[in-house]
Amino acid sequence: MLNNGGSYRTAKSNSRCGVCEQPIELMTGDQSRLLKVGDRVCWERSTTDLGTVKSNSWGGLVVAWDDGRTNSIHHNDMKQVERMPVKTE
């Protein structure tokens, strides 16, 4: 369970987050709709392909990637994107 209440993993998950090594599952469209502006995401469990959600509308969201690219992604096409866990201090 992520600190912000999100959970994109199940006991059946075989994939692991490239950053925190926790088991994850593919993000669904319904889970994508719950992302908030400012949430951090990564592409395909990468520790280097990171981005920030810039907007979230009924049809999809916009991600500004740390490498300078920005792109729109439909909610149902978010299978390769993961929400980054919120760090606790």
PDB file of N, CA and C in Angstrom:
ATOM      1  N   MET A   1       0.849  -1.184   0.000  1.00  0.00           N
ATOM      2  CA  MET A   1       0.000   0.000   0.000  1.00  0.00           C
ATOM      3  C   MET A   1       0.888   1.238   0.000  1.00  0.00           C
ATOM      4  N   LEU A   2       0.590   2.170  -0.870  1.00  0.00           N
ATOM      5  CA  LEU A   2       1.329   3.422  -0.924  1.00  0.00           C
ATOM      6  C   LEU A   2       0.813   4.361   0.155  1.00  0.00           C
ATOM      7  N   ASN A   3       1.662   5.268   0.632  1.00  0.00           N
ATOM      8  CA  ASN A   3       1.285   6.178   1.712  1.00  0.00           C
ATOM      9  C   ASN A   3       0.107   7.071   1.363  1.00  0.00           C
ATOM     10  N   ASN A   4      -0.083   7.372   0.098  1.00  0.00           N
ATOM     11  CA  ASN A   4      -1.178   8.241  -0.305  1.00  0.00           C
ATOM     12  C   ASN A   4      -2.453   7.447  -0.581  1.00  0.00           C
ATOM     13  N   GLY A   5      -2.501   6.185  -0.152  1.00  0.00           N
ATOM     14  CA  GLY A   5      -3.710   5.386  -0.285  1.00  0.00           C
ATOM     15  C   GLY A   5      -3.767   4.546  -1.539  1.00  0.00           C
ATOM     16  N   GLY A   6      -2.892   4.792  -2.509  1.00  0.00           N
ATOM     17  CA  GLY A   6      -2.920   4.036  -3.752  1.00  0.00           C
ATOM     18  C   GLY A   6      -2.249   2.685  -3.606  1.00  0.00           C
ATOM     19  N   SER A   7      -2.697   1.744  -4.372  1.00  0.00           N
ATOM     20  CA  SER A   7      -2.059   0.431  -4.383  1.00  0.00           C
ATOM     21  C   SER A   7      -2.261  -0.177  -5.754  1.00  0.00           C
ATOM     22  N   TYR A   8      -1.185  -0.370  -6.507  1.00  0.00           N
ATOM     23  CA  TYR A   8      -1.279  -0.940  -7.840  1.00  0.00           C
ATOM     24  C   TYR A   8      -0.640  -2.321  -7.871  1.00  0.00           C
ATOM     25  N   ARG A   9      -0.710  -3.041  -6.765  1.00  0.00           N
ATOM     26  CA  ARG A   9      -0.089  -4.350  -6.712  1.00  0.00           C
ATOM     27  C   ARG A   9      -1.019  -5.350  -6.043  1.00  0.00           C
ATOM     28  N   THR A  10      -0.824  -6.605  -6.324  1.00  0.00           N
ATOM     29  CA  THR A  10      -1.604  -7.670  -5.710  1.00  0.00           C
ATOM     30  C   THR A  10      -0.666  -8.809  -5.343  1.00  0.00           C
ATOM     31  N   ALA A  11      -1.183  -9.773  -4.621  1.00  0.00           N
ATOM     32  CA  ALA A  11      -0.382 -10.931  -4.244  1.00  0.00           C
ATOM     33  C   ALA A  11       0.037 -11.725  -5.475  1.00  0.00           C
ATOM     34  N   LYS A  12      -0.700 -11.604  -6.573  1.00  0.00           N
ATOM     35  CA  LYS A  12      -0.401 -12.350  -7.790  1.00  0.00           C
ATOM     36  C   LYS A  12       0.624 -11.652  -8.680  1.00  0.00           C
ATOM     37  N   SER A  13       1.026 -10.452  -8.319  1.00  0.00           N
ATOM     38  CA  SER A  13       1.923  -9.674  -9.167  1.00  0.00           C
ATOM     39  C   SER A  13       3.310 -10.303  -9.246  1.00  0.00           C
ATOM     40  N   ASN A  14       3.854 -10.392 -10.462  1.00  0.00           N
ATOM     41  CA  ASN A  14       5.204 -10.913 -10.660  1.00  0.00           C
ATOM     42  C   ASN A  14       6.210  -9.807 -10.941  1.00  0.00           C
ATOM     43  N   SER A  15       5.753  -8.597 -11.265  1.00  0.00           N
ATOM     44  CA  SER A  15       6.644  -7.484 -11.583  1.00  0.00           C
ATOM     45  C   SER A  15       7.013  -6.744 -10.313  1.00  0.00           C
ATOM     46  N   ARG A  16       8.175  -6.105 -10.347  1.00  0.00           N
ATOM     47  CA  ARG A  16       8.627  -5.323  -9.194  1.00  0.00           C
ATOM     48  C   ARG A  16       9.002  -3.926  -9.656  1.00  0.00           C
ATOM     49  N   CYS A  17       8.728  -2.947  -8.817  1.00  0.00           N
ATOM     50  CA  CYS A  17       9.067  -1.560  -9.090  1.00  0.00           C
ATOM     51  C   CYS A  17      10.580  -1.435  -9.206  1.00  0.00           C
ATOM     52  N   GLY A  18      11.063  -0.708 -10.221  1.00  0.00           N
ATOM     53  CA  GLY A  18      12.496  -0.524 -10.411  1.00  0.00           C
ATOM     54  C   GLY A  18      13.124   0.378  -9.382  1.00  0.00           C
ATOM     55  N   VAL A  19      12.322   1.114  -8.623  1.00  0.00           N
ATOM     56  CA  VAL A  19      12.843   2.029  -7.624  1.00  0.00           C
ATOM     57  C   VAL A  19      12.798   1.412  -6.231  1.00  0.00           C
ATOM     58  N   CYS A  20      11.622   0.896  -5.843  1.00  0.00           N
ATOM     59  CA  CYS A  20      11.480   0.399  -4.469  1.00  0.00           C
ATOM     60  C   CYS A  20      11.428  -1.111  -4.378  1.00  0.00           C
ATOM     61  N   GLU A  21      11.421  -1.816  -5.521  1.00  0.00           N
ATOM     62  CA  GLU A  21      11.413  -3.273  -5.581  1.00  0.00           C
ATOM     63  C   GLU A  21      10.133  -3.912  -5.041  1.00  0.00           C
ATOM     64  N   GLN A  22       9.084  -3.124  -4.812  1.00  0.00           N
ATOM     65  CA  GLN A  22       7.822  -3.690  -4.359  1.00  0.00           C
ATOM     66  C   GLN A  22       7.098  -4.306  -5.543  1.00  0.00           C
ATOM     67  N   PRO A  23       6.329  -5.385  -5.320  1.00  0.00           N
ATOM     68  CA  PRO A  23       5.558  -5.977  -6.410  1.00  0.00           C
ATOM     69  C   PRO A  23       4.524  -4.980  -6.926  1.00  0.00           C
ATOM     70  N   ILE A  24       4.309  -4.970  -8.235  1.00  0.00           N
ATOM     71  CA  ILE A  24       3.329  -4.067  -8.846  1.00  0.00           C
ATOM     72  C   ILE A  24       2.528  -4.835  -9.888  1.00  0.00           C
ATOM     73  N   GLU A  25       1.428  -4.256 -10.314  1.00  0.00           N
ATOM     74  CA  GLU A  25       0.677  -4.783 -11.446  1.00  0.00           C
ATOM     75  C   GLU A  25       0.443  -3.650 -12.423  1.00  0.00           C
ATOM     76  N   LEU A  26      -0.004  -3.970 -13.613  1.00  0.00           N
ATOM     77  CA  LEU A  26      -0.245  -2.960 -14.627  1.00  0.00           C
ATOM     78  C   LEU A  26      -1.333  -2.009 -14.174  1.00  0.00           C
ATOM     79  N   MET A  27      -1.135  -0.710 -14.420  1.00  0.00           N
ATOM     80  CA  MET A  27      -2.120   0.294 -14.037  1.00  0.00           C
ATOM     81  C   MET A  27      -3.322   0.211 -14.966  1.00  0.00           C
ATOM     82  N   THR A  28      -4.501   0.254 -14.381  1.00  0.00           N
ATOM     83  CA  THR A  28      -5.740   0.242 -15.159  1.00  0.00           C
ATOM     84  C   THR A  28      -6.177   1.673 -15.446  1.00  0.00           C
ATOM     85  N   GLY A  29      -7.145   1.814 -16.345  1.00  0.00           N
ATOM     86  CA  GLY A  29      -7.704   3.126 -16.631  1.00  0.00           C
ATOM     87  C   GLY A  29      -8.328   3.760 -15.402  1.00  0.00           C
ATOM     88  N   ASP A  30      -9.019   2.956 -14.588  1.00  0.00           N
ATOM     89  CA  ASP A  30      -9.637   3.488 -13.364  1.00  0.00           C
ATOM     90  C   ASP A  30      -8.577   3.998 -12.392  1.00  0.00           C
ATOM     91  N   GLN A  31      -7.464   3.288 -12.273  1.00  0.00           N
ATOM     92  CA  GLN A  31      -6.386   3.739 -11.394  1.00  0.00           C
ATOM     93  C   GLN A  31      -5.730   4.999 -11.943  1.00  0.00           C
ATOM     94  N   SER A  32      -5.602   5.079 -13.261  1.00  0.00           N
ATOM     95  CA  SER A  32      -5.016   6.258 -13.888  1.00  0.00           C
ATOM     96  C   SER A  32      -5.847   7.504 -13.591  1.00  0.00           C
ATOM     97  N   ARG A  33      -7.156   7.350 -13.575  1.00  0.00           N
ATOM     98  CA  ARG A  33      -8.038   8.486 -13.295  1.00  0.00           C
ATOM     99  C   ARG A  33      -7.849   9.027 -11.875  1.00  0.00           C
ATOM    100  N   LEU A  34      -7.287   8.246 -10.973  1.00  0.00           N
ATOM    101  CA  LEU A  34      -7.066   8.664  -9.590  1.00  0.00           C
ATOM    102  C   LEU A  34      -5.764   9.435  -9.400  1.00  0.00           C
ATOM    103  N   LEU A  35      -4.898   9.452 -10.423  1.00  0.00           N
ATOM    104  CA  LEU A  35      -3.653  10.208 -10.311  1.00  0.00           C
ATOM    105  C   LEU A  35      -3.964  11.692 -10.184  1.00  0.00           C
ATOM    106  N   LYS A  36      -3.172  12.369  -9.394  1.00  0.00           N
ATOM    107  CA  LYS A  36      -3.344  13.805  -9.149  1.00  0.00           C
ATOM    108  C   LYS A  36      -2.195  14.580  -9.784  1.00  0.00           C
ATOM    109  N   VAL A  37      -2.459  15.845 -10.084  1.00  0.00           N
ATOM    110  CA  VAL A  37      -1.405  16.729 -10.576  1.00  0.00           C
ATOM    111  C   VAL A  37      -0.294  16.747  -9.526  1.00  0.00           C
ATOM    112  N   GLY A  38       0.933  16.539  -9.971  1.00  0.00           N
ATOM    113  CA  GLY A  38       2.080  16.507  -9.076  1.00  0.00           C
ATOM    114  C   GLY A  38       2.537  15.107  -8.710  1.00  0.00           C
ATOM    115  N   ASP A  39       1.691  14.079  -8.949  1.00  0.00           N
ATOM    116  CA  ASP A  39       2.107  12.706  -8.675  1.00  0.00           C
ATOM    117  C   ASP A  39       3.290  12.344  -9.562  1.00  0.00           C
ATOM    118  N   ARG A  40       4.228  11.593  -9.010  1.00  0.00           N
ATOM    119  CA  ARG A  40       5.393  11.137  -9.753  1.00  0.00           C
ATOM    120  C   ARG A  40       5.097   9.763 -10.331  1.00  0.00           C
ATOM    121  N   VAL A  41       5.538   9.542 -11.570  1.00  0.00           N
ATOM    122  CA  VAL A  41       5.332   8.279 -12.264  1.00  0.00           C
ATOM    123  C   VAL A  41       6.626   7.860 -12.938  1.00  0.00           C
ATOM    124  N   CYS A  42       6.696   6.578 -13.306  1.00  0.00           N
ATOM    125  CA  CYS A  42       7.842   6.094 -14.071  1.00  0.00           C
ATOM    126  C   CYS A  42       7.333   5.220 -15.206  1.00  0.00           C
ATOM    127  N   TRP A  43       8.167   5.007 -16.212  1.00  0.00           N
ATOM    128  CA  TRP A  43       7.835   4.228 -17.399  1.00  0.00           C
ATOM    129  C   TRP A  43       8.454   2.845 -17.276  1.00  0.00           C
ATOM    130  N   GLU A  44       7.642   1.819 -17.350  1.00  0.00           N
ATOM    131  CA  GLU A  44       8.085   0.420 -17.365  1.00  0.00           C
ATOM    132  C   GLU A  44       9.117   0.084 -16.286  1.00  0.00           C
ATOM    133  N   ARG A  45       8.821   0.404 -15.068  1.00  0.00           N
ATOM    134  CA  ARG A  45       9.659   0.037 -13.917  1.00  0.00           C
ATOM    135  C   ARG A  45      11.067   0.619 -13.997  1.00  0.00           C
ATOM    136  N   SER A  46      11.231   1.718 -14.700  1.00  0.00           N
ATOM    137  CA  SER A  46      12.549   2.326 -14.874  1.00  0.00           C
ATOM    138  C   SER A  46      12.899   3.230 -13.694  1.00  0.00           C
ATOM    139  N   THR A  47      14.174   3.242 -13.347  1.00  0.00           N
ATOM    140  CA  THR A  47      14.636   4.165 -12.312  1.00  0.00           C
ATOM    141  C   THR A  47      15.089   5.490 -12.917  1.00  0.00           C
ATOM    142  N   THR A  48      15.099   5.585 -14.244  1.00  0.00           N
ATOM    143  CA  THR A  48      15.559   6.805 -14.902  1.00  0.00           C
ATOM    144  C   THR A  48      14.478   7.486 -15.731  1.00  0.00           C
ATOM    145  N   ASP A  49      13.472   6.763 -16.201  1.00  0.00           N
ATOM    146  CA  ASP A  49      12.390   7.360 -16.991  1.00  0.00           C
ATOM    147  C   ASP A  49      11.276   7.804 -16.059  1.00  0.00           C
ATOM    148  N   LEU A  50      11.496   8.966 -15.430  1.00  0.00           N
ATOM    149  CA  LEU A  50      10.579   9.483 -14.422  1.00  0.00           C
ATOM    150  C   LEU A  50       9.882  10.733 -14.931  1.00  0.00           C
ATOM    151  N   GLY A  51       8.671  10.978 -14.418  1.00  0.00           N
ATOM    152  CA  GLY A  51       7.930  12.163 -14.821  1.00  0.00           C
ATOM    153  C   GLY A  51       6.951  12.596 -13.752  1.00  0.00           C
ATOM    154  N   THR A  52       6.270  13.714 -14.037  1.00  0.00           N
ATOM    155  CA  THR A  52       5.298  14.304 -13.125  1.00  0.00           C
ATOM    156  C   THR A  52       3.988  14.528 -13.869  1.00  0.00           C
ATOM    157  N   VAL A  53       2.879  14.155 -13.245  1.00  0.00           N
ATOM    158  CA  VAL A  53       1.558  14.390 -13.833  1.00  0.00           C
ATOM    159  C   VAL A  53       1.295  15.888 -13.817  1.00  0.00           C
ATOM    160  N   LYS A  54       1.015  16.460 -14.999  1.00  0.00           N
ATOM    161  CA  LYS A  54       0.754  17.896 -15.130  1.00  0.00           C
ATOM    162  C   LYS A  54      -0.727  18.216 -15.233  1.00  0.00           C
ATOM    163  N   SER A  55      -1.510  17.286 -15.777  1.00  0.00           N
ATOM    164  CA  SER A  55      -2.960  17.478 -15.819  1.00  0.00           C
ATOM    165  C   SER A  55      -3.627  16.115 -15.943  1.00  0.00           C
ATOM    166  N   ASN A  56      -4.880  16.050 -15.490  1.00  0.00           N
ATOM    167  CA  ASN A  56      -5.651  14.815 -15.551  1.00  0.00           C
ATOM    168  C   ASN A  56      -7.085  15.195 -15.886  1.00  0.00           C
ATOM    169  N   SER A  57      -7.555  14.729 -17.041  1.00  0.00           N
ATOM    170  CA  SER A  57      -8.909  15.044 -17.490  1.00  0.00           C
ATOM    171  C   SER A  57      -9.684  13.751 -17.691  1.00  0.00           C
ATOM    172  N   TRP A  58     -10.899  13.863 -18.160  1.00  0.00           N
ATOM    173  CA  TRP A  58     -11.761  12.678 -18.316  1.00  0.00           C
ATOM    174  C   TRP A  58     -11.175  11.675 -19.292  1.00  0.00           C
ATOM    175  N   GLY A  59     -10.421  12.131 -20.296  1.00  0.00           N
ATOM    176  CA  GLY A  59      -9.923  11.226 -21.324  1.00  0.00           C
ATOM    177  C   GLY A  59      -8.511  10.722 -21.130  1.00  0.00           C
ATOM    178  N   GLY A  60      -7.722  11.443 -20.355  1.00  0.00           N
ATOM    179  CA  GLY A  60      -6.327  11.046 -20.180  1.00  0.00           C
ATOM    180  C   GLY A  60      -5.581  12.052 -19.348  1.00  0.00           C
ATOM    181  N   LEU A  61      -4.260  11.928 -19.362  1.00  0.00           N
ATOM    182  CA  LEU A  61      -3.460  12.860 -18.590  1.00  0.00           C
ATOM    183  C   LEU A  61      -2.230  13.278 -19.371  1.00  0.00           C
ATOM    184  N   VAL A  62      -1.593  14.320 -18.879  1.00  0.00           N
ATOM    185  CA  VAL A  62      -0.360  14.831 -19.476  1.00  0.00           C
ATOM    186  C   VAL A  62       0.758  14.602 -18.475  1.00  0.00           C
ATOM    187  N   VAL A  63       1.856  14.012 -18.950  1.00  0.00           N
ATOM    188  CA  VAL A  63       3.027  13.759 -18.117  1.00  0.00           C
ATOM    189  C   VAL A  63       4.192  14.554 -18.668  1.00  0.00           C
ATOM    190  N   ALA A  64       4.854  15.299 -17.789  1.00  0.00           N
ATOM    191  CA  ALA A  64       6.094  15.992 -18.135  1.00  0.00           C
ATOM    192  C   ALA A  64       7.230  15.123 -17.627  1.00  0.00           C
ATOM    193  N   TRP A  65       7.982  14.530 -18.549  1.00  0.00           N
ATOM    194  CA  TRP A  65       9.067  13.626 -18.199  1.00  0.00           C
ATOM    195  C   TRP A  65      10.302  14.421 -17.829  1.00  0.00           C
ATOM    196  N   ASP A  66      11.117  13.877 -16.952  1.00  0.00           N
ATOM    197  CA  ASP A  66      12.313  14.572 -16.474  1.00  0.00           C
ATOM    198  C   ASP A  66      13.329  14.858 -17.571  1.00  0.00           C
ATOM    199  N   ASP A  67      13.244  14.140 -18.696  1.00  0.00           N
ATOM    200  CA  ASP A  67      14.192  14.382 -19.795  1.00  0.00           C
ATOM    201  C   ASP A  67      13.744  15.518 -20.713  1.00  0.00           C
ATOM    202  N   GLY A  68      12.656  16.209 -20.349  1.00  0.00           N
ATOM    203  CA  GLY A  68      12.195  17.359 -21.119  1.00  0.00           C
ATOM    204  C   GLY A  68      11.009  17.085 -22.025  1.00  0.00           C
ATOM    205  N   ARG A  69      10.690  15.816 -22.270  1.00  0.00           N
ATOM    206  CA  ARG A  69       9.533  15.490 -23.119  1.00  0.00           C
ATOM    207  C   ARG A  69       8.243  15.652 -22.332  1.00  0.00           C
ATOM    208  N   THR A  70       7.170  15.949 -23.031  1.00  0.00           N
ATOM    209  CA  THR A  70       5.830  15.986 -22.452  1.00  0.00           C
ATOM    210  C   THR A  70       4.918  15.239 -23.399  1.00  0.00           C
ATOM    211  N   ASN A  71       4.051  14.373 -22.844  1.00  0.00           N
ATOM    212  CA  ASN A  71       3.115  13.692 -23.727  1.00  0.00           C
ATOM    213  C   ASN A  71       1.794  13.424 -23.033  1.00  0.00           C
ATOM    214  N   SER A  72       0.763  13.273 -23.865  1.00  0.00           N
ATOM    215  CA  SER A  72      -0.575  12.935 -23.395  1.00  0.00           C
ATOM    216  C   SER A  72      -0.750  11.425 -23.496  1.00  0.00           C
ATOM    217  N   ILE A  73      -1.398  10.845 -22.490  1.00  0.00           N
ATOM    218  CA  ILE A  73      -1.631   9.410 -22.467  1.00  0.00           C
ATOM    219  C   ILE A  73      -3.091   9.168 -22.106  1.00  0.00           C
ATOM    220  N   HIS A  74      -3.798   8.369 -22.910  1.00  0.00           N
ATOM    221  CA  HIS A  74      -5.166   7.999 -22.583  1.00  0.00           C
ATOM    222  C   HIS A  74      -5.166   7.119 -21.339  1.00  0.00           C
ATOM    223  N   HIS A  75      -6.200   7.252 -20.513  1.00  0.00           N
ATOM    224  CA  HIS A  75      -6.256   6.488 -19.269  1.00  0.00           C
ATOM    225  C   HIS A  75      -6.100   4.983 -19.500  1.00  0.00           C
ATOM    226  N   ASN A  76      -6.730   4.454 -20.529  1.00  0.00           N
ATOM    227  CA  ASN A  76      -6.657   3.013 -20.765  1.00  0.00           C
ATOM    228  C   ASN A  76      -5.348   2.568 -21.415  1.00  0.00           C
ATOM    229  N   ASP A  77      -4.428   3.506 -21.664  1.00  0.00           N
ATOM    230  CA  ASP A  77      -3.113   3.179 -22.228  1.00  0.00           C
ATOM    231  C   ASP A  77      -1.995   3.326 -21.197  1.00  0.00           C
ATOM    232  N   MET A  78      -2.343   3.274 -19.916  1.00  0.00           N
ATOM    233  CA  MET A  78      -1.375   3.519 -18.841  1.00  0.00           C
ATOM    234  C   MET A  78      -0.701   2.249 -18.327  1.00  0.00           C
ATOM    235  N   LYS A  79      -0.800   1.148 -19.052  1.00  0.00           N
ATOM    236  CA  LYS A  79      -0.257  -0.124 -18.580  1.00  0.00           C
ATOM    237  C   LYS A  79       1.249  -0.089 -18.345  1.00  0.00           C
ATOM    238  N   GLN A  80       1.970   0.762 -19.054  1.00  0.00           N
ATOM    239  CA  GLN A  80       3.430   0.809 -18.919  1.00  0.00           C
ATOM    240  C   GLN A  80       3.897   1.892 -17.951  1.00  0.00           C
ATOM    241  N   VAL A  81       2.946   2.597 -17.345  1.00  0.00           N
ATOM    242  CA  VAL A  81       3.281   3.677 -16.419  1.00  0.00           C
ATOM    243  C   VAL A  81       2.936   3.230 -15.001  1.00  0.00           C
ATOM    244  N   GLU A  82       3.790   3.573 -14.055  1.00  0.00           N
ATOM    245  CA  GLU A  82       3.560   3.239 -12.656  1.00  0.00           C
ATOM    246  C   GLU A  82       3.617   4.496 -11.810  1.00  0.00           C
ATOM    247  N   ARG A  83       2.823   4.518 -10.775  1.00  0.00           N
ATOM    248  CA  ARG A  83       2.898   5.603  -9.809  1.00  0.00           C
ATOM    249  C   ARG A  83       4.077   5.323  -8.888  1.00  0.00           C
ATOM    250  N   MET A  84       4.875   6.357  -8.641  1.00  0.00           N
ATOM    251  CA  MET A  84       6.010   6.217  -7.744  1.00  0.00           C
ATOM    252  C   MET A  84       5.512   6.277  -6.298  1.00  0.00           C
ATOM    253  N   PRO A  85       6.073   5.446  -5.415  1.00  0.00           N
ATOM    254  CA  PRO A  85       5.681   5.504  -4.016  1.00  0.00           C
ATOM    255  C   PRO A  85       6.056   6.850  -3.398  1.00  0.00           C
ATOM    256  N   VAL A  86       5.227   7.311  -2.469  1.00  0.00           N
ATOM    257  CA  VAL A  86       5.523   8.531  -1.743  1.00  0.00           C
ATOM    258  C   VAL A  86       6.546   8.211  -0.663  1.00  0.00           C
ATOM    259  N   LYS A  87       7.611   8.996  -0.617  1.00  0.00           N
ATOM    260  CA  LYS A  87       8.673   8.740   0.365  1.00  0.00           C
ATOM    261  C   LYS A  87       8.198   9.164   1.755  1.00  0.00           C
ATOM    262  N   THR A  88       8.554   8.367   2.734  1.00  0.00           N
ATOM    263  CA  THR A  88       8.279   8.722   4.121  1.00  0.00           C
ATOM    264  C   THR A  88       9.586   9.039   4.810  1.00  0.00           C
ATOM    265  N   GLU A  89       9.563   9.997   5.648  1.00  0.00           N
ATOM    266  CA  GLU A  89      10.797  10.407   6.349  1.00  0.00           C
ATOM    267  C   GLU A  89      10.607  10.188   7.822  1.00  0.00           C
TER     268      GLU A  89
END
